[in-house]
Amino acid sequence: MSGLRRALTGPAARATLSLLVVAVVFAGVLPHVGDYSAAWGLVRDLTWAETAVLASVAVVNLCSYAPLWAIALPGLGWGRALLTDQASTAISNTVPAGFAFGVGTTAAMYHSFGHAPAEITRAVVVTGVWNNFVKLGTPVVALLALAITGDATRALMLAAVAGTVVLALAVGALAAVLVHREAAIGLAGTAERIAGWSADRFHHRPPHRWVERVDRFRADSRTLLQRRWVPLTLAAIGSHAALFLVLLTALRCVDGGTVPWARVLAVFALTRLVTLVPVTPGALGVAELSYVAGLTAVGMGAAAATGGVLLFRFLTWFLPIPSGVLAWVLWRRGAGRLPGPAGAPALSAR
């Protein structure tokens, strides 16, 4: 029985699920929503000026997440942050359960740059938390934009309310963890018990030492967050704004601006929530379907929505893969690494 469970939840099963989702979306669903040939015709008609603008915003997006890492890990520097972000993103976008492998790559590279494991763990947690804060807050911004333009919808209102509630709870929990040790221990203990109950139900290994880890995180992170929460927030917002700018630019170039930016922001916000839990590497298939369905629902033509979204995903999902491979090769050849044992490539990164 345990062997069957491992077979159903192991890497092969995850890879099969990812391939199935991608095949269903790209071969079964999207062709019925938008005509690929018509979408490609719109993309092919882009002018050189439009192509140059798209390339510019794509490069900005590629570089937009590095500042968050540089702020969360003092002493890292923008260049090393960019090198690591490119390599880890390439892995996350191509490997089933790629997020975990991406984190492992990040840890290995940061270790080779001379950072201690505790510092790396803190940076991973802080950037992840701030990134999700912005994802949860984006529907609120989108709802305000739609309310101003008179386009607010019931679906977005529900998403915005849900996002606001979850965001408020998350921010409140983080504040309690940082300010009150007793609250931190209580929250960690409760979360560990809930996770343990869930693990028992699904016959997984129960979690352990969450209280100790949260207490250590609180001690390690309090000073950093007190001093850098503003630049962390601005950097996280900036990275999401850069991603949205690529989407909006791709749609404008393909469609000529028939759909208001506030509606595009609403679709962007909802899709960011849909892809919070990655089913496929880089949300491949899931994100495309959500974007195209959302854009057609708010008034964009099916061919334009399909062409714009596929162009956007080429620039934001595929483009980081070759740039990440290049970053990986440069790192393996010594870029940014310290001399000696601390700078040797870690086994976990192989």
Protein backbone atom coordinates (compact mmCIF):
# COMPACT_ATOMS: atom_id res chain seq x y z
CA MET A 1 0.00 0.00 0.00
CA SER A 2 2.81 2.41 0.86
CA GLY A 3 4.45 1.60 -2.47
CA LEU A 4 1.22 2.47 -4.28
CA ARG A 5 0.96 5.77 -2.41
CA ARG A 6 4.55 6.63 -3.35
CA ALA A 7 3.80 5.78 -6.97
CA LEU A 8 0.73 8.03 -6.95
CA THR A 9 2.44 10.96 -5.24
CA GLY A 10 6.05 10.58 -6.38
CA PRO A 11 8.02 12.49 -9.03
CA ALA A 12 6.76 10.31 -11.89
CA ALA A 13 3.14 10.97 -10.91
CA ARG A 14 3.77 14.71 -10.65
CA ALA A 15 5.47 14.74 -14.05
CA THR A 16 2.58 12.79 -15.57
CA LEU A 17 0.02 15.17 -14.06
CA SER A 18 1.95 18.18 -15.36
CA LEU A 19 2.15 16.75 -18.87
CA LEU A 20 -1.55 15.84 -18.79
CA VAL A 21 -2.59 19.34 -17.72
CA VAL A 22 -0.38 20.97 -20.36
CA ALA A 23 -1.67 18.63 -23.09
CA VAL A 24 -5.32 19.18 -22.16
CA VAL A 25 -4.94 22.96 -22.09
CA PHE A 26 -2.87 23.48 -25.23
CA ALA A 27 -4.26 20.66 -27.37
CA GLY A 28 -7.82 20.43 -26.08
CA VAL A 29 -9.08 23.65 -24.52
CA LEU A 30 -7.25 26.67 -25.96
CA PRO A 31 -7.82 25.71 -29.63
CA HIS A 32 -11.57 25.85 -28.93
CA VAL A 33 -11.28 29.24 -27.22
CA GLY A 34 -8.99 30.98 -29.70
CA ASP A 35 -7.73 30.07 -33.16
CA TYR A 36 -3.96 29.49 -33.00
CA SER A 37 -3.44 30.51 -36.63
CA ALA A 38 -5.37 33.75 -36.15
CA ALA A 39 -3.48 34.45 -32.93
CA TRP A 40 -0.15 33.80 -34.65
CA GLY A 41 -1.19 36.13 -37.47
CA LEU A 42 -1.70 38.96 -34.99
CA VAL A 43 1.69 38.31 -33.37
CA ARG A 44 3.41 38.08 -36.76
CA ASP A 45 2.04 41.52 -37.71
CA LEU A 46 3.91 43.26 -34.88
CA THR A 47 6.06 46.17 -36.04
CA TRP A 48 9.75 46.53 -35.26
CA ALA A 49 8.90 49.33 -32.82
CA GLU A 50 6.41 47.12 -30.97
CA THR A 51 8.93 44.29 -30.89
CA ALA A 52 11.55 46.62 -29.42
CA VAL A 53 9.15 47.82 -26.73
CA LEU A 54 8.24 44.23 -25.84
CA ALA A 55 11.90 43.26 -25.64
CA SER A 56 12.59 46.21 -23.34
CA VAL A 57 9.81 45.44 -20.87
CA ALA A 58 10.76 41.74 -20.96
CA VAL A 59 14.33 42.57 -19.94
CA VAL A 60 13.04 44.81 -17.15
CA ASN A 61 10.89 41.94 -15.91
CA LEU A 62 13.82 39.50 -16.01
CA CYS A 63 15.77 41.80 -13.72
CA SER A 64 12.87 42.86 -11.49
CA TYR A 65 13.00 40.13 -8.81
CA ALA A 66 16.71 40.43 -8.03
CA PRO A 67 16.35 43.60 -5.88
CA LEU A 68 14.02 41.75 -3.49
CA TRP A 69 16.69 39.09 -2.90
CA ALA A 70 19.40 41.72 -2.52
CA ILE A 71 17.35 43.49 0.16
CA ALA A 72 16.38 40.28 1.98
CA LEU A 73 19.97 38.98 2.09
CA PRO A 74 22.34 41.78 3.17
CA GLY A 75 25.70 41.62 1.44
CA LEU A 76 24.42 39.65 -1.54
CA GLY A 77 24.52 42.40 -4.13
CA TRP A 78 22.37 42.87 -7.21
CA GLY A 79 24.61 40.94 -9.61
CA ARG A 80 24.69 37.75 -7.56
CA ALA A 81 20.97 38.07 -6.85
CA LEU A 82 20.26 38.31 -10.58
CA LEU A 83 22.51 35.34 -11.38
CA THR A 84 20.77 33.18 -8.78
CA ASP A 85 17.26 34.29 -9.64
CA GLN A 86 17.74 33.45 -13.31
CA ALA A 87 19.11 29.96 -12.60
CA SER A 88 16.46 29.06 -10.01
CA THR A 89 13.62 30.40 -12.18
CA ALA A 90 14.77 28.26 -15.12
CA ILE A 91 14.58 25.18 -12.91
CA SER A 92 11.21 26.15 -11.42
CA ASN A 93 9.78 26.62 -14.92
CA THR A 94 10.89 23.25 -16.29
CA VAL A 95 11.00 20.64 -13.50
CA PRO A 96 7.92 19.06 -11.83
CA ALA A 97 7.77 20.33 -8.24
CA GLY A 98 10.20 22.90 -9.60
CA PHE A 99 9.69 25.32 -6.73
CA ALA A 100 11.45 22.97 -4.31
CA PHE A 101 14.32 22.40 -6.74
CA GLY A 102 14.50 26.13 -7.36
CA VAL A 103 14.83 26.80 -3.63
CA GLY A 104 17.56 24.16 -3.44
CA THR A 105 19.43 25.83 -6.28
CA THR A 106 19.06 29.21 -4.60
CA ALA A 107 20.42 27.84 -1.33
CA ALA A 108 23.38 26.16 -3.03
CA MET A 109 24.34 29.28 -4.95
CA TYR A 110 23.98 31.59 -1.97
CA HIS A 111 26.10 29.22 0.11
CA SER A 112 28.80 29.40 -2.55
CA PHE A 113 28.68 33.19 -2.24
CA GLY A 114 29.59 32.85 1.43
CA HIS A 115 26.21 33.21 3.15
CA ALA A 116 25.31 31.12 6.19
CA PRO A 117 22.40 28.63 6.08
CA ALA A 118 20.41 30.66 8.62
CA GLU A 119 20.71 33.80 6.49
CA ILE A 120 19.66 31.91 3.37
CA THR A 121 16.63 30.36 5.09
CA ARG A 122 15.57 33.75 6.39
CA ALA A 123 15.85 35.29 2.91
CA VAL A 124 13.85 32.47 1.30
CA VAL A 125 11.07 32.82 3.87
CA VAL A 126 10.98 36.62 3.78
CA THR A 127 10.91 36.88 -0.02
CA GLY A 128 8.24 34.19 -0.21
CA VAL A 129 6.08 35.90 2.40
CA TRP A 130 6.38 39.33 0.79
CA ASN A 131 5.73 37.92 -2.66
CA ASN A 132 2.50 36.30 -1.44
CA PHE A 133 1.50 39.48 0.38
CA VAL A 134 1.56 41.31 -2.95
CA LYS A 135 -0.33 38.51 -4.70
CA LEU A 136 -3.06 38.69 -2.07
CA GLY A 137 -3.16 42.48 -2.21
CA THR A 138 -3.31 42.81 -6.00
CA PRO A 139 -7.07 41.99 -6.25
CA VAL A 140 -7.75 44.84 -3.84
CA VAL A 141 -5.86 47.26 -6.09
CA ALA A 142 -7.66 45.87 -9.13
CA LEU A 143 -11.05 46.30 -7.46
CA LEU A 144 -10.25 49.93 -6.63
CA ALA A 145 -9.19 50.52 -10.24
CA LEU A 146 -12.40 48.96 -11.55
CA ALA A 147 -14.51 50.88 -9.06
CA ILE A 148 -12.97 54.14 -10.27
CA THR A 149 -13.65 53.22 -13.90
CA GLY A 150 -17.10 51.79 -13.12
CA ASP A 151 -16.24 48.23 -14.17
CA ALA A 152 -16.30 46.38 -10.83
CA THR A 153 -17.61 42.82 -11.09
CA ARG A 154 -19.04 40.44 -8.53
CA ALA A 155 -16.29 37.86 -9.10
CA LEU A 156 -13.54 40.39 -8.53
CA MET A 157 -15.31 41.81 -5.49
CA LEU A 158 -15.40 38.34 -3.94
CA ALA A 159 -11.74 37.75 -4.81
CA ALA A 160 -10.77 41.14 -3.41
CA VAL A 161 -12.64 40.53 -0.17
CA ALA A 162 -11.08 37.08 0.19
CA GLY A 163 -7.64 38.46 -0.60
CA THR A 164 -8.08 41.29 1.88
CA VAL A 165 -9.15 38.93 4.66
CA VAL A 166 -6.29 36.49 4.03
CA LEU A 167 -3.79 39.34 3.67
CA ALA A 168 -4.96 40.96 6.91
CA LEU A 169 -4.71 37.63 8.75
CA ALA A 170 -1.25 36.97 7.30
CA VAL A 171 0.07 40.43 8.15
CA GLY A 172 -1.44 40.19 11.62
CA ALA A 173 0.12 36.78 12.19
CA LEU A 174 3.52 38.02 11.03
CA ALA A 175 3.28 41.07 13.29
CA ALA A 176 2.31 38.88 16.23
CA VAL A 177 5.21 36.53 15.54
CA LEU A 178 7.70 39.39 15.44
CA VAL A 179 6.39 41.33 18.43
CA HIS A 180 5.23 38.65 20.88
CA ARG A 181 7.24 35.49 21.48
CA GLU A 182 4.30 33.79 23.19
CA ALA A 183 2.09 34.46 20.18
CA ALA A 184 4.77 33.12 17.85
CA ILE A 185 5.09 29.91 19.84
CA GLY A 186 1.31 29.52 20.06
CA LEU A 187 0.76 30.04 16.33
CA ALA A 188 3.59 27.67 15.42
CA GLY A 189 2.29 25.00 17.78
CA THR A 190 -1.25 25.27 16.41
CA ALA A 191 -0.02 25.15 12.81
CA GLU A 192 2.14 22.12 13.57
CA ARG A 193 -0.79 20.26 15.13
CA ILE A 194 -3.04 21.03 12.15
CA ALA A 195 -0.32 19.99 9.70
CA GLY A 196 0.30 16.84 11.72
CA TRP A 197 -3.37 15.92 11.64
CA SER A 198 -3.43 16.47 7.88
CA ALA A 199 -0.25 14.41 7.43
CA ASP A 200 -1.80 11.52 9.37
CA ARG A 201 -4.90 11.64 7.18
CA PHE A 202 -2.81 11.36 4.02
CA HIS A 203 -0.21 9.00 5.53
CA HIS A 204 2.64 11.50 5.20
CA ARG A 205 5.45 12.15 7.62
CA PRO A 206 4.24 14.55 10.34
CA PRO A 207 6.03 17.90 10.76
CA HIS A 208 8.28 18.53 13.73
CA ARG A 209 10.19 21.34 15.44
CA TRP A 210 8.03 24.09 13.95
CA VAL A 211 7.96 25.95 17.26
CA GLU A 212 11.75 25.93 17.46
CA ARG A 213 12.10 27.05 13.85
CA VAL A 214 9.60 29.89 14.18
CA ASP A 215 11.30 31.07 17.36
CA ARG A 216 14.65 31.06 15.55
CA PHE A 217 13.15 32.84 12.54
CA ARG A 218 11.67 35.48 14.83
CA ALA A 219 15.02 36.14 16.47
CA ASP A 220 16.90 36.19 13.14
CA SER A 221 14.40 38.26 11.17
CA ARG A 222 13.13 40.88 13.57
CA THR A 223 15.93 43.39 13.04
CA LEU A 224 15.99 42.87 9.28
CA LEU A 225 12.25 43.42 8.91
CA GLN A 226 12.21 46.42 11.22
CA ARG A 227 14.87 48.11 9.10
CA ARG A 228 13.94 46.89 5.62
CA TRP A 229 10.21 46.23 5.48
CA VAL A 230 9.62 49.33 3.34
CA PRO A 231 12.22 48.51 0.65
CA LEU A 232 11.11 44.87 0.77
CA THR A 233 7.53 45.94 0.09
CA LEU A 234 8.51 48.32 -2.70
CA ALA A 235 10.72 45.69 -4.34
CA ALA A 236 7.98 43.05 -4.19
CA ILE A 237 5.44 45.47 -5.67
CA GLY A 238 7.96 46.45 -8.34
CA SER A 239 8.50 42.87 -9.47
CA HIS A 240 4.75 42.28 -9.83
CA ALA A 241 4.32 45.62 -11.60
CA ALA A 242 7.02 44.65 -14.09
CA LEU A 243 5.25 41.36 -14.80
CA PHE A 244 1.92 43.14 -15.29
CA LEU A 245 3.62 45.65 -17.59
CA VAL A 246 4.75 42.82 -19.88
CA LEU A 247 1.19 41.44 -20.01
CA LEU A 248 -0.36 44.83 -20.70
CA THR A 249 2.24 45.68 -23.36
CA ALA A 250 1.80 42.33 -25.12
CA LEU A 251 -1.97 42.76 -25.21
CA ARG A 252 -1.73 46.37 -26.39
CA CYS A 253 0.68 45.43 -29.18
CA VAL A 254 -1.49 42.55 -30.36
CA ASP A 255 -4.95 44.05 -29.84
CA GLY A 256 -4.39 47.79 -30.04
CA GLY A 257 -5.83 48.59 -26.61
CA THR A 258 -9.51 47.61 -26.87
CA VAL A 259 -9.68 46.35 -23.27
CA PRO A 260 -9.16 48.90 -20.44
CA TRP A 261 -6.04 48.42 -18.34
CA ALA A 262 -8.12 48.05 -15.16
CA ARG A 263 -9.82 44.95 -16.57
CA VAL A 264 -6.46 43.51 -17.57
CA LEU A 265 -5.23 44.15 -14.03
CA ALA A 266 -8.28 42.32 -12.67
CA VAL A 267 -7.54 39.26 -14.81
CA PHE A 268 -3.88 39.46 -13.80
CA ALA A 269 -4.82 39.60 -10.11
CA LEU A 270 -7.18 36.63 -10.33
CA THR A 271 -4.65 34.54 -12.24
CA ARG A 272 -1.95 35.29 -9.67
CA LEU A 273 -4.30 33.87 -7.03
CA VAL A 274 -5.19 30.84 -9.17
CA THR A 275 -1.50 30.00 -9.59
CA LEU A 276 -0.55 30.44 -5.92
CA VAL A 277 -0.21 26.65 -5.71
CA PRO A 278 1.72 25.53 -8.83
CA VAL A 279 0.18 22.42 -10.39
CA THR A 280 2.65 22.49 -13.29
CA PRO A 281 6.17 23.95 -13.60
CA GLY A 282 5.81 27.71 -13.81
CA ALA A 283 2.01 27.24 -13.88
CA LEU A 284 2.35 26.23 -17.54
CA GLY A 285 -1.09 25.63 -19.02
CA VAL A 286 -2.96 26.76 -15.92
CA ALA A 287 -1.88 30.39 -16.25
CA GLU A 288 -2.53 30.52 -20.00
CA LEU A 289 -6.04 29.14 -19.59
CA SER A 290 -6.85 31.53 -16.74
CA TYR A 291 -5.56 34.56 -18.63
CA VAL A 292 -7.31 33.74 -21.92
CA ALA A 293 -10.60 32.85 -20.22
CA GLY A 294 -10.48 35.97 -18.08
CA LEU A 295 -9.60 38.32 -20.93
CA THR A 296 -12.32 36.98 -23.21
CA ALA A 297 -14.78 37.31 -20.32
CA VAL A 298 -13.97 41.04 -19.96
CA GLY A 299 -14.44 41.77 -23.65
CA MET A 300 -11.26 40.93 -25.56
CA GLY A 301 -11.47 38.96 -28.77
CA ALA A 302 -10.50 35.31 -28.50
CA ALA A 303 -7.72 35.47 -31.10
CA ALA A 304 -6.23 38.64 -29.61
CA ALA A 305 -6.41 37.24 -26.08
CA THR A 306 -4.77 33.98 -27.13
CA GLY A 307 -2.04 35.70 -29.13
CA GLY A 308 -1.31 38.28 -26.45
CA VAL A 309 -1.21 35.74 -23.64
CA LEU A 310 1.02 33.30 -25.53
CA LEU A 311 3.37 36.17 -26.39
CA PHE A 312 3.36 37.27 -22.75
CA ARG A 313 4.11 33.76 -21.55
CA PHE A 314 6.90 33.37 -24.09
CA LEU A 315 8.54 36.46 -22.63
CA THR A 316 7.95 35.59 -18.97
CA TRP A 317 7.92 31.77 -18.84
CA PHE A 318 10.16 30.64 -21.71
CA LEU A 319 12.69 33.50 -21.88
CA PRO A 320 13.97 32.92 -18.31
CA ILE A 321 14.89 29.34 -19.25
CA PRO A 322 17.78 30.09 -21.66
CA SER A 323 18.88 33.04 -19.53
CA GLY A 324 18.79 30.77 -16.48
CA VAL A 325 20.86 28.10 -18.22
CA LEU A 326 23.43 30.78 -19.06
CA ALA A 327 23.43 31.96 -15.44
CA TRP A 328 23.92 28.36 -14.26
CA VAL A 329 26.88 27.86 -16.60
CA LEU A 330 28.46 31.12 -15.48
CA TRP A 331 28.07 30.14 -11.84
CA ARG A 332 29.53 26.68 -12.42
CA ARG A 333 32.52 28.39 -13.98
CA GLY A 334 33.02 30.48 -10.86
CA ALA A 335 30.97 33.63 -11.37
CA GLY A 336 30.32 35.26 -8.00
CA ARG A 337 31.64 32.32 -5.96
CA LEU A 338 34.13 32.73 -3.18
CA PRO A 339 37.44 30.87 -3.41
CA GLY A 340 37.90 27.78 -1.27
CA PRO A 341 35.37 25.34 0.24
CA ALA A 342 32.63 27.92 0.75
CA GLY A 343 32.64 28.67 -2.94
CA ALA A 344 32.66 25.08 -4.17
CA PRO A 345 29.48 23.96 -5.98
CA ALA A 346 27.20 22.26 -3.48
CA LEU A 347 26.04 18.70 -4.10
CA SER A 348 22.41 19.72 -3.78
CA ALA A 349 22.77 21.95 -6.81
CA ARG A 350 23.97 19.24 -9.17
